[in-house]
């Protein structure tokens, strides 16, 4: 999404990183990515975040549409919702 409204912060040397993006077309629509990189788990041979959370804010119809899109992608990829 191309927008000038972005934020990215790194708290504690990648212990917790968050990024937020606001839609230029619907300012109430935001997408947030939260990465937890604290090495309390995971595989030390495979670097990357230990956890990933994505959050969306916006009008109910936009959030519902995104939820449907994600659900269909998961079903296509994995054959169902775990």
C-alpha atoms as a PDB file:
ATOM      1  CA  UNK A   1       0.000   0.000   0.000  1.00  0.00           C
ATOM      2  CA  UNK A   2       1.547   3.320  -1.010  1.00  0.00           C
ATOM      3  CA  UNK A   3       0.941   5.881   1.706  1.00  0.00           C
ATOM      4  CA  UNK A   4       2.931   8.564   3.462  1.00  0.00           C
ATOM      5  CA  UNK A   5       1.272   7.556   6.733  1.00  0.00           C
ATOM      6  CA  UNK A   6       3.567   4.910   8.179  1.00  0.00           C
ATOM      7  CA  UNK A   7       5.236   4.216  11.472  1.00  0.00           C
ATOM      8  CA  UNK A   8       7.929   1.690  12.352  1.00  0.00           C
ATOM      9  CA  UNK A   9       9.475   1.278  15.784  1.00  0.00           C
ATOM     10  CA  UNK A  10      11.999  -1.145  17.203  1.00  0.00           C
ATOM     11  CA  UNK A  11      11.881  -1.548  20.964  1.00  0.00           C
ATOM     12  CA  UNK A  12      14.769  -3.322  22.637  1.00  0.00           C
ATOM     13  CA  UNK A  13      16.943  -4.235  19.654  1.00  0.00           C
ATOM     14  CA  UNK A  14      14.274  -6.254  17.821  1.00  0.00           C
ATOM     15  CA  UNK A  15      12.765  -7.669  21.011  1.00  0.00           C
ATOM     16  CA  UNK A  16       9.505  -6.085  19.849  1.00  0.00           C
ATOM     17  CA  UNK A  17       9.036  -4.380  16.477  1.00  0.00           C
ATOM     18  CA  UNK A  18       5.833  -2.849  15.171  1.00  0.00           C
ATOM     19  CA  UNK A  19       4.852  -1.278  11.884  1.00  0.00           C
ATOM     20  CA  UNK A  20       1.661   0.567  11.054  1.00  0.00           C
ATOM     21  CA  UNK A  21       0.274   1.770   7.732  1.00  0.00           C
ATOM     22  CA  UNK A  22      -2.767   3.969   7.153  1.00  0.00           C
ATOM     23  CA  UNK A  23      -4.756   3.838   3.921  1.00  0.00           C
ATOM     24  CA  UNK A  24      -4.669   7.096   1.923  1.00  0.00           C
ATOM     25  CA  UNK A  25      -8.170   6.343   0.579  1.00  0.00           C
ATOM     26  CA  UNK A  26      -9.829   5.344   3.873  1.00  0.00           C
ATOM     27  CA  UNK A  27      -7.982   6.965   6.792  1.00  0.00           C
ATOM     28  CA  UNK A  28      -9.853   4.783   9.284  1.00  0.00           C
ATOM     29  CA  UNK A  29      -8.283   1.692   7.661  1.00  0.00           C
ATOM     30  CA  UNK A  30      -4.965   0.767   9.253  1.00  0.00           C
ATOM     31  CA  UNK A  31      -2.830  -2.359   9.170  1.00  0.00           C
ATOM     32  CA  UNK A  32      -0.396  -3.186  11.957  1.00  0.00           C
ATOM     33  CA  UNK A  33       2.339  -5.799  12.024  1.00  0.00           C
ATOM     34  CA  UNK A  34       3.755  -6.782  15.405  1.00  0.00           C
ATOM     35  CA  UNK A  35       6.923  -8.885  15.515  1.00  0.00           C
ATOM     36  CA  UNK A  36       8.260 -10.483  18.669  1.00  0.00           C
ATOM     37  CA  UNK A  37      11.882 -11.414  18.140  1.00  0.00           C
ATOM     38  CA  UNK A  38      12.927 -12.253  21.677  1.00  0.00           C
ATOM     39  CA  UNK A  39      14.838 -15.533  21.394  1.00  0.00           C
ATOM     40  CA  UNK A  40      12.808 -17.416  24.008  1.00  0.00           C
ATOM     41  CA  UNK A  41      11.758 -20.037  21.494  1.00  0.00           C
ATOM     42  CA  UNK A  42      11.989 -21.004  17.885  1.00  0.00           C
ATOM     43  CA  UNK A  43      14.856 -22.591  16.042  1.00  0.00           C
ATOM     44  CA  UNK A  44      18.233 -20.849  16.521  1.00  0.00           C
ATOM     45  CA  UNK A  45      19.313 -22.215  13.120  1.00  0.00           C
ATOM     46  CA  UNK A  46      16.443 -20.437  11.366  1.00  0.00           C
ATOM     47  CA  UNK A  47      16.597 -16.700  12.093  1.00  0.00           C
ATOM     48  CA  UNK A  48      13.499 -14.586  12.117  1.00  0.00           C
ATOM     49  CA  UNK A  49      10.773 -13.396  14.407  1.00  0.00           C
ATOM     50  CA  UNK A  50       9.528 -15.732  17.097  1.00  0.00           C
ATOM     51  CA  UNK A  51       5.978 -14.413  16.729  1.00  0.00           C
ATOM     52  CA  UNK A  52       3.985 -12.389  14.216  1.00  0.00           C
ATOM     53  CA  UNK A  53       0.626 -10.711  14.768  1.00  0.00           C
ATOM     54  CA  UNK A  54      -1.292  -8.690  12.197  1.00  0.00           C
ATOM     55  CA  UNK A  55      -4.100  -6.343  13.239  1.00  0.00           C
ATOM     56  CA  UNK A  56      -6.482  -4.326  11.080  1.00  0.00           C
ATOM     57  CA  UNK A  57      -8.726  -1.406  12.025  1.00  0.00           C
ATOM     58  CA  UNK A  58     -11.407   0.149   9.849  1.00  0.00           C
ATOM     59  CA  UNK A  59     -15.021   0.077   8.791  1.00  0.00           C
ATOM     60  CA  UNK A  60     -16.724  -3.226   9.441  1.00  0.00           C
ATOM     61  CA  UNK A  61     -17.280  -3.954   5.733  1.00  0.00           C
ATOM     62  CA  UNK A  62     -13.584  -3.411   4.897  1.00  0.00           C
ATOM     63  CA  UNK A  63     -12.382  -5.589   7.778  1.00  0.00           C
ATOM     64  CA  UNK A  64     -14.920  -8.313   6.893  1.00  0.00           C
ATOM     65  CA  UNK A  65     -13.802  -8.269   3.267  1.00  0.00           C
ATOM     66  CA  UNK A  66     -10.166  -8.658   4.308  1.00  0.00           C
ATOM     67  CA  UNK A  67     -11.083 -11.472   6.712  1.00  0.00           C
ATOM     68  CA  UNK A  68     -12.868 -13.309   3.881  1.00  0.00           C
ATOM     69  CA  UNK A  69      -9.869 -12.868   1.569  1.00  0.00           C
ATOM     70  CA  UNK A  70      -7.467 -14.211   4.203  1.00  0.00           C
ATOM     71  CA  UNK A  71      -9.746 -17.137   5.056  1.00  0.00           C
ATOM     72  CA  UNK A  72     -10.026 -18.152   1.399  1.00  0.00           C
ATOM     73  CA  UNK A  73      -6.241 -17.933   0.980  1.00  0.00           C
ATOM     74  CA  UNK A  74      -5.682 -20.153   4.045  1.00  0.00           C
ATOM     75  CA  UNK A  75      -8.239 -22.699   2.817  1.00  0.00           C
ATOM     76  CA  UNK A  76      -6.606 -22.792  -0.624  1.00  0.00           C
ATOM     77  CA  UNK A  77      -3.132 -23.141   0.863  1.00  0.00           C
ATOM     78  CA  UNK A  78      -3.779 -25.543   3.736  1.00  0.00           C
ATOM     79  CA  UNK A  79      -7.135 -27.116   2.898  1.00  0.00           C
ATOM     80  CA  UNK A  80      -8.903 -25.618   5.900  1.00  0.00           C
ATOM     81  CA  UNK A  81      -8.686 -23.413   8.953  1.00  0.00           C
ATOM     82  CA  UNK A  82      -6.585 -24.939  11.722  1.00  0.00           C
END
